[in-house]
Amino acid sequence: MLTNNQINQIAEMLIESGNLNDDTSEHIGLILENIAGIELLDDDQLNSLHSKIEQAVKNLKSS
């Protein structure tokens, strides 16, 4: 549903917000709730997308 570029943009936005203490997962969930069409994804697809964003955040924070 989202391209790698869009996933990285979400990760960058999360990092720039400065609100990523311990609850990155909750912030990702809140963002995903506001993406049009996200309700069409099944649980596996949604979990996969969530994991990809979480990994992108980790990768960007470590670089």
PDB file of N, CA and C in Angstrom:
ATOM      1  N   MET A   1       0.812  -1.188   0.000  1.00  0.00           N
ATOM      2  CA  MET A   1       0.000   0.000   0.000  1.00  0.00           C
ATOM      3  C   MET A   1       0.862   1.262   0.000  1.00  0.00           C
ATOM      4  N   LEU A   2       1.871   1.313   0.838  1.00  0.00           N
ATOM      5  CA  LEU A   2       2.773   2.466   0.851  1.00  0.00           C
ATOM      6  C   LEU A   2       4.088   2.088   0.184  1.00  0.00           C
ATOM      7  N   THR A   3       4.670   3.052  -0.501  1.00  0.00           N
ATOM      8  CA  THR A   3       5.968   2.818  -1.122  1.00  0.00           C
ATOM      9  C   THR A   3       7.052   2.940  -0.054  1.00  0.00           C
ATOM     10  N   ASN A   4       8.241   2.467  -0.386  1.00  0.00           N
ATOM     11  CA  ASN A   4       9.367   2.603   0.537  1.00  0.00           C
ATOM     12  C   ASN A   4       9.648   4.068   0.846  1.00  0.00           C
ATOM     13  N   ASN A   5       9.491   4.922  -0.151  1.00  0.00           N
ATOM     14  CA  ASN A   5       9.701   6.344   0.055  1.00  0.00           C
ATOM     15  C   ASN A   5       8.698   6.907   1.061  1.00  0.00           C
ATOM     16  N   GLN A   6       7.437   6.508   0.948  1.00  0.00           N
ATOM     17  CA  GLN A   6       6.423   6.979   1.881  1.00  0.00           C
ATOM     18  C   GLN A   6       6.688   6.463   3.296  1.00  0.00           C
ATOM     19  N   ILE A   7       7.123   5.223   3.401  1.00  0.00           N
ATOM     20  CA  ILE A   7       7.467   4.653   4.703  1.00  0.00           C
ATOM     21  C   ILE A   7       8.607   5.449   5.328  1.00  0.00           C
ATOM     22  N   ASN A   8       9.618   5.778   4.537  1.00  0.00           N
ATOM     23  CA  ASN A   8      10.744   6.567   5.048  1.00  0.00           C
ATOM     24  C   ASN A   8      10.312   7.977   5.435  1.00  0.00           C
ATOM     25  N   GLN A   9       9.380   8.552   4.687  1.00  0.00           N
ATOM     26  CA  GLN A   9       8.881   9.883   5.027  1.00  0.00           C
ATOM     27  C   GLN A   9       8.150   9.867   6.369  1.00  0.00           C
ATOM     28  N   ILE A  10       7.367   8.822   6.611  1.00  0.00           N
ATOM     29  CA  ILE A  10       6.682   8.690   7.893  1.00  0.00           C
ATOM     30  C   ILE A  10       7.712   8.545   9.009  1.00  0.00           C
ATOM     31  N   ALA A  11       8.726   7.730   8.781  1.00  0.00           N
ATOM     32  CA  ALA A  11       9.774   7.539   9.783  1.00  0.00           C
ATOM     33  C   ALA A  11      10.487   8.857  10.079  1.00  0.00           C
ATOM     34  N   GLU A  12      10.815   9.610   9.046  1.00  0.00           N
ATOM     35  CA  GLU A  12      11.478  10.902   9.228  1.00  0.00           C
ATOM     36  C   GLU A  12      10.590  11.867  10.006  1.00  0.00           C
ATOM     37  N   MET A  13       9.306  11.873   9.690  1.00  0.00           N
ATOM     38  CA  MET A  13       8.368  12.740  10.385  1.00  0.00           C
ATOM     39  C   MET A  13       8.300  12.379  11.871  1.00  0.00           C
ATOM     40  N   LEU A  14       8.285  11.088  12.167  1.00  0.00           N
ATOM     41  CA  LEU A  14       8.247  10.650  13.556  1.00  0.00           C
ATOM     42  C   LEU A  14       9.493  11.083  14.312  1.00  0.00           C
ATOM     43  N   ILE A  15      10.637  10.936  13.686  1.00  0.00           N
ATOM     44  CA  ILE A  15      11.897  11.326  14.328  1.00  0.00           C
ATOM     45  C   ILE A  15      11.942  12.835  14.539  1.00  0.00           C
ATOM     46  N   GLU A  16      11.536  13.592  13.527  1.00  0.00           N
ATOM     47  CA  GLU A  16      11.569  15.053  13.618  1.00  0.00           C
ATOM     48  C   GLU A  16      10.592  15.590  14.654  1.00  0.00           C
ATOM     49  N   SER A  17       9.542  14.845  14.946  1.00  0.00           N
ATOM     50  CA  SER A  17       8.558  15.303  15.922  1.00  0.00           C
ATOM     51  C   SER A  17       9.145  15.358  17.326  1.00  0.00           C
ATOM     52  N   GLY A  18      10.176  14.538  17.563  1.00  0.00           N
ATOM     53  CA  GLY A  18      10.816  14.530  18.870  1.00  0.00           C
ATOM     54  C   GLY A  18      10.001  13.857  19.954  1.00  0.00           C
ATOM     55  N   ASN A  19       8.920  13.174  19.589  1.00  0.00           N
ATOM     56  CA  ASN A  19       8.040  12.546  20.576  1.00  0.00           C
ATOM     57  C   ASN A  19       8.197  11.038  20.622  1.00  0.00           C
ATOM     58  N   LEU A  20       9.376  10.556  20.349  1.00  0.00           N
ATOM     59  CA  LEU A  20       9.575   9.106  20.259  1.00  0.00           C
ATOM     60  C   LEU A  20      10.311   8.549  21.467  1.00  0.00           C
ATOM     61  N   ASN A  21       9.827   8.819  22.624  1.00  0.00           N
ATOM     62  CA  ASN A  21      10.497   8.307  23.810  1.00  0.00           C
ATOM     63  C   ASN A  21      10.460   6.787  23.834  1.00  0.00           C
ATOM     64  N   ASP A  22       9.407   6.208  24.307  1.00  0.00           N
ATOM     65  CA  ASP A  22       9.307   4.755  24.392  1.00  0.00           C
ATOM     66  C   ASP A  22       8.153   4.196  23.572  1.00  0.00           C
ATOM     67  N   ASP A  23       7.306   5.058  23.051  1.00  0.00           N
ATOM     68  CA  ASP A  23       6.074   4.583  22.451  1.00  0.00           C
ATOM     69  C   ASP A  23       5.999   4.819  20.945  1.00  0.00           C
ATOM     70  N   THR A  24       7.042   4.458  20.244  1.00  0.00           N
ATOM     71  CA  THR A  24       7.073   4.597  18.791  1.00  0.00           C
ATOM     72  C   THR A  24       5.899   3.869  18.162  1.00  0.00           C
ATOM     73  N   SER A  25       5.601   2.693  18.670  1.00  0.00           N
ATOM     74  CA  SER A  25       4.533   1.872  18.116  1.00  0.00           C
ATOM     75  C   SER A  25       3.184   2.593  18.156  1.00  0.00           C
ATOM     76  N   GLU A  26       2.901   3.262  19.253  1.00  0.00           N
ATOM     77  CA  GLU A  26       1.629   3.979  19.365  1.00  0.00           C
ATOM     78  C   GLU A  26       1.561   5.126  18.369  1.00  0.00           C
ATOM     79  N   HIS A  27       2.663   5.855  18.207  1.00  0.00           N
ATOM     80  CA  HIS A  27       2.696   6.962  17.252  1.00  0.00           C
ATOM     81  C   HIS A  27       2.483   6.453  15.820  1.00  0.00           C
ATOM     82  N   ILE A  28       3.096   5.345  15.497  1.00  0.00           N
ATOM     83  CA  ILE A  28       2.910   4.760  14.161  1.00  0.00           C
ATOM     84  C   ILE A  28       1.442   4.399  13.970  1.00  0.00           C
ATOM     85  N   GLY A  29       0.840   3.775  14.971  1.00  0.00           N
ATOM     86  CA  GLY A  29      -0.568   3.406  14.889  1.00  0.00           C
ATOM     87  C   GLY A  29      -1.467   4.602  14.658  1.00  0.00           C
ATOM     88  N   LEU A  30      -1.196   5.697  15.342  1.00  0.00           N
ATOM     89  CA  LEU A  30      -2.004   6.902  15.175  1.00  0.00           C
ATOM     90  C   LEU A  30      -1.889   7.464  13.763  1.00  0.00           C
ATOM     91  N   ILE A  31      -0.693   7.429  13.219  1.00  0.00           N
ATOM     92  CA  ILE A  31      -0.507   7.906  11.847  1.00  0.00           C
ATOM     93  C   ILE A  31      -1.232   6.991  10.864  1.00  0.00           C
ATOM     94  N   LEU A  32      -1.083   5.688  11.046  1.00  0.00           N
ATOM     95  CA  LEU A  32      -1.715   4.748  10.117  1.00  0.00           C
ATOM     96  C   LEU A  32      -3.231   4.871  10.128  1.00  0.00           C
ATOM     97  N   GLU A  33      -3.806   5.189  11.273  1.00  0.00           N
ATOM     98  CA  GLU A  33      -5.258   5.354  11.359  1.00  0.00           C
ATOM     99  C   GLU A  33      -5.769   6.455  10.441  1.00  0.00           C
ATOM    100  N   ASN A  34      -4.904   7.400  10.104  1.00  0.00           N
ATOM    101  CA  ASN A  34      -5.324   8.553   9.309  1.00  0.00           C
ATOM    102  C   ASN A  34      -4.978   8.440   7.833  1.00  0.00           C
ATOM    103  N   ILE A  35      -4.500   7.296   7.412  1.00  0.00           N
ATOM    104  CA  ILE A  35      -4.186   7.101   6.001  1.00  0.00           C
ATOM    105  C   ILE A  35      -5.410   6.516   5.304  1.00  0.00           C
ATOM    106  N   ALA A  36      -5.860   7.188   4.263  1.00  0.00           N
ATOM    107  CA  ALA A  36      -7.037   6.740   3.528  1.00  0.00           C
ATOM    108  C   ALA A  36      -6.813   5.346   2.963  1.00  0.00           C
ATOM    109  N   GLY A  37      -7.762   4.476   3.153  1.00  0.00           N
ATOM    110  CA  GLY A  37      -7.700   3.127   2.610  1.00  0.00           C
ATOM    111  C   GLY A  37      -7.051   2.115   3.524  1.00  0.00           C
ATOM    112  N   ILE A  38      -6.507   2.557   4.634  1.00  0.00           N
ATOM    113  CA  ILE A  38      -5.796   1.640   5.526  1.00  0.00           C
ATOM    114  C   ILE A  38      -6.742   0.577   6.075  1.00  0.00           C
ATOM    115  N   GLU A  39      -8.023   0.914   6.170  1.00  0.00           N
ATOM    116  CA  GLU A  39      -8.999  -0.041   6.697  1.00  0.00           C
ATOM    117  C   GLU A  39      -9.222  -1.231   5.761  1.00  0.00           C
ATOM    118  N   LEU A  40      -8.736  -1.131   4.551  1.00  0.00           N
ATOM    119  CA  LEU A  40      -8.870  -2.227   3.596  1.00  0.00           C
ATOM    120  C   LEU A  40      -7.803  -3.299   3.774  1.00  0.00           C
ATOM    121  N   LEU A  41      -6.776  -2.999   4.566  1.00  0.00           N
ATOM    122  CA  LEU A  41      -5.711  -3.970   4.804  1.00  0.00           C
ATOM    123  C   LEU A  41      -6.153  -4.991   5.839  1.00  0.00           C
ATOM    124  N   ASP A  42      -5.734  -6.238   5.643  1.00  0.00           N
ATOM    125  CA  ASP A  42      -6.008  -7.232   6.672  1.00  0.00           C
ATOM    126  C   ASP A  42      -4.958  -7.098   7.774  1.00  0.00           C
ATOM    127  N   ASP A  43      -5.127  -7.837   8.848  1.00  0.00           N
ATOM    128  CA  ASP A  43      -4.232  -7.711  10.006  1.00  0.00           C
ATOM    129  C   ASP A  43      -2.777  -7.992   9.658  1.00  0.00           C
ATOM    130  N   ASP A  44      -2.541  -8.998   8.828  1.00  0.00           N
ATOM    131  CA  ASP A  44      -1.166  -9.329   8.455  1.00  0.00           C
ATOM    132  C   ASP A  44      -0.514  -8.200   7.669  1.00  0.00           C
ATOM    133  N   GLN A  45      -1.252  -7.615   6.737  1.00  0.00           N
ATOM    134  CA  GLN A  45      -0.718  -6.508   5.942  1.00  0.00           C
ATOM    135  C   GLN A  45      -0.455  -5.290   6.817  1.00  0.00           C
ATOM    136  N   LEU A  46      -1.365  -5.019   7.735  1.00  0.00           N
ATOM    137  CA  LEU A  46      -1.204  -3.878   8.628  1.00  0.00           C
ATOM    138  C   LEU A  46      -0.007  -4.075   9.558  1.00  0.00           C
ATOM    139  N   ASN A  47       0.145  -5.278  10.086  1.00  0.00           N
ATOM    140  CA  ASN A  47       1.291  -5.575  10.951  1.00  0.00           C
ATOM    141  C   ASN A  47       2.607  -5.462  10.191  1.00  0.00           C
ATOM    142  N   SER A  48       2.607  -5.914   8.947  1.00  0.00           N
ATOM    143  CA  SER A  48       3.806  -5.830   8.111  1.00  0.00           C
ATOM    144  C   SER A  48       4.176  -4.371   7.862  1.00  0.00           C
ATOM    145  N   LEU A  49       3.193  -3.553   7.540  1.00  0.00           N
ATOM    146  CA  LEU A  49       3.430  -2.134   7.292  1.00  0.00           C
ATOM    147  C   LEU A  49       3.938  -1.455   8.560  1.00  0.00           C
ATOM    148  N   HIS A  50       3.329  -1.771   9.670  1.00  0.00           N
ATOM    149  CA  HIS A  50       3.750  -1.211  10.962  1.00  0.00           C
ATOM    150  C   HIS A  50       5.206  -1.572  11.245  1.00  0.00           C
ATOM    151  N   SER A  51       5.574  -2.818  11.004  1.00  0.00           N
ATOM    152  CA  SER A  51       6.945  -3.279  11.235  1.00  0.00           C
ATOM    153  C   SER A  51       7.936  -2.571  10.321  1.00  0.00           C
ATOM    154  N   LYS A  52       7.539  -2.367   9.062  1.00  0.00           N
ATOM    155  CA  LYS A  52       8.419  -1.680   8.113  1.00  0.00           C
ATOM    156  C   LYS A  52       8.693  -0.242   8.558  1.00  0.00           C
ATOM    157  N   ILE A  53       7.662   0.429   9.053  1.00  0.00           N
ATOM    158  CA  ILE A  53       7.839   1.803   9.515  1.00  0.00           C
ATOM    159  C   ILE A  53       8.717   1.822  10.765  1.00  0.00           C
ATOM    160  N   GLU A  54       8.463   0.892  11.686  1.00  0.00           N
ATOM    161  CA  GLU A  54       9.262   0.808  12.904  1.00  0.00           C
ATOM    162  C   GLU A  54      10.741   0.566  12.568  1.00  0.00           C
ATOM    163  N   GLN A  55      11.001  -0.314  11.609  1.00  0.00           N
ATOM    164  CA  GLN A  55      12.371  -0.592  11.200  1.00  0.00           C
ATOM    165  C   GLN A  55      12.997   0.627  10.533  1.00  0.00           C
ATOM    166  N   ALA A  56      12.227   1.337   9.736  1.00  0.00           N
ATOM    167  CA  ALA A  56      12.745   2.550   9.084  1.00  0.00           C
ATOM    168  C   ALA A  56      13.131   3.587  10.133  1.00  0.00           C
ATOM    169  N   VAL A  57      12.319   3.721  11.187  1.00  0.00           N
ATOM    170  CA  VAL A  57      12.649   4.656  12.263  1.00  0.00           C
ATOM    171  C   VAL A  57      13.968   4.242  12.918  1.00  0.00           C
ATOM    172  N   LYS A  58      14.113   2.968  13.232  1.00  0.00           N
ATOM    173  CA  LYS A  58      15.343   2.483  13.849  1.00  0.00           C
ATOM    174  C   LYS A  58      16.553   2.728  12.956  1.00  0.00           C
ATOM    175  N   ASN A  59      16.387   2.463  11.654  1.00  0.00           N
ATOM    176  CA  ASN A  59      17.493   2.651  10.716  1.00  0.00           C
ATOM    177  C   ASN A  59      17.903   4.122  10.631  1.00  0.00           C
ATOM    178  N   LEU A  60      16.915   5.015  10.588  1.00  0.00           N
ATOM    179  CA  LEU A  60      17.222   6.433  10.482  1.00  0.00           C
ATOM    180  C   LEU A  60      17.834   6.977  11.767  1.00  0.00           C
ATOM    181  N   LYS A  61      17.378   6.479  12.906  1.00  0.00           N
ATOM    182  CA  LYS A  61      17.931   6.939  14.181  1.00  0.00           C
ATOM    183  C   LYS A  61      19.390   6.487  14.352  1.00  0.00           C
ATOM    184  N   SER A  62      19.730   5.337  13.797  1.00  0.00           N
ATOM    185  CA  SER A  62      21.086   4.826  13.961  1.00  0.00           C
ATOM    186  C   SER A  62      22.074   5.391  12.946  1.00  0.00           C
ATOM    187  N   SER A  63      21.567   6.058  11.925  1.00  0.00           N
ATOM    188  CA  SER A  63      22.483   6.593  10.894  1.00  0.00           C
ATOM    189  C   SER A  63      22.816   8.028  11.126  1.00  0.00           C
TER     190      SER A  63
END
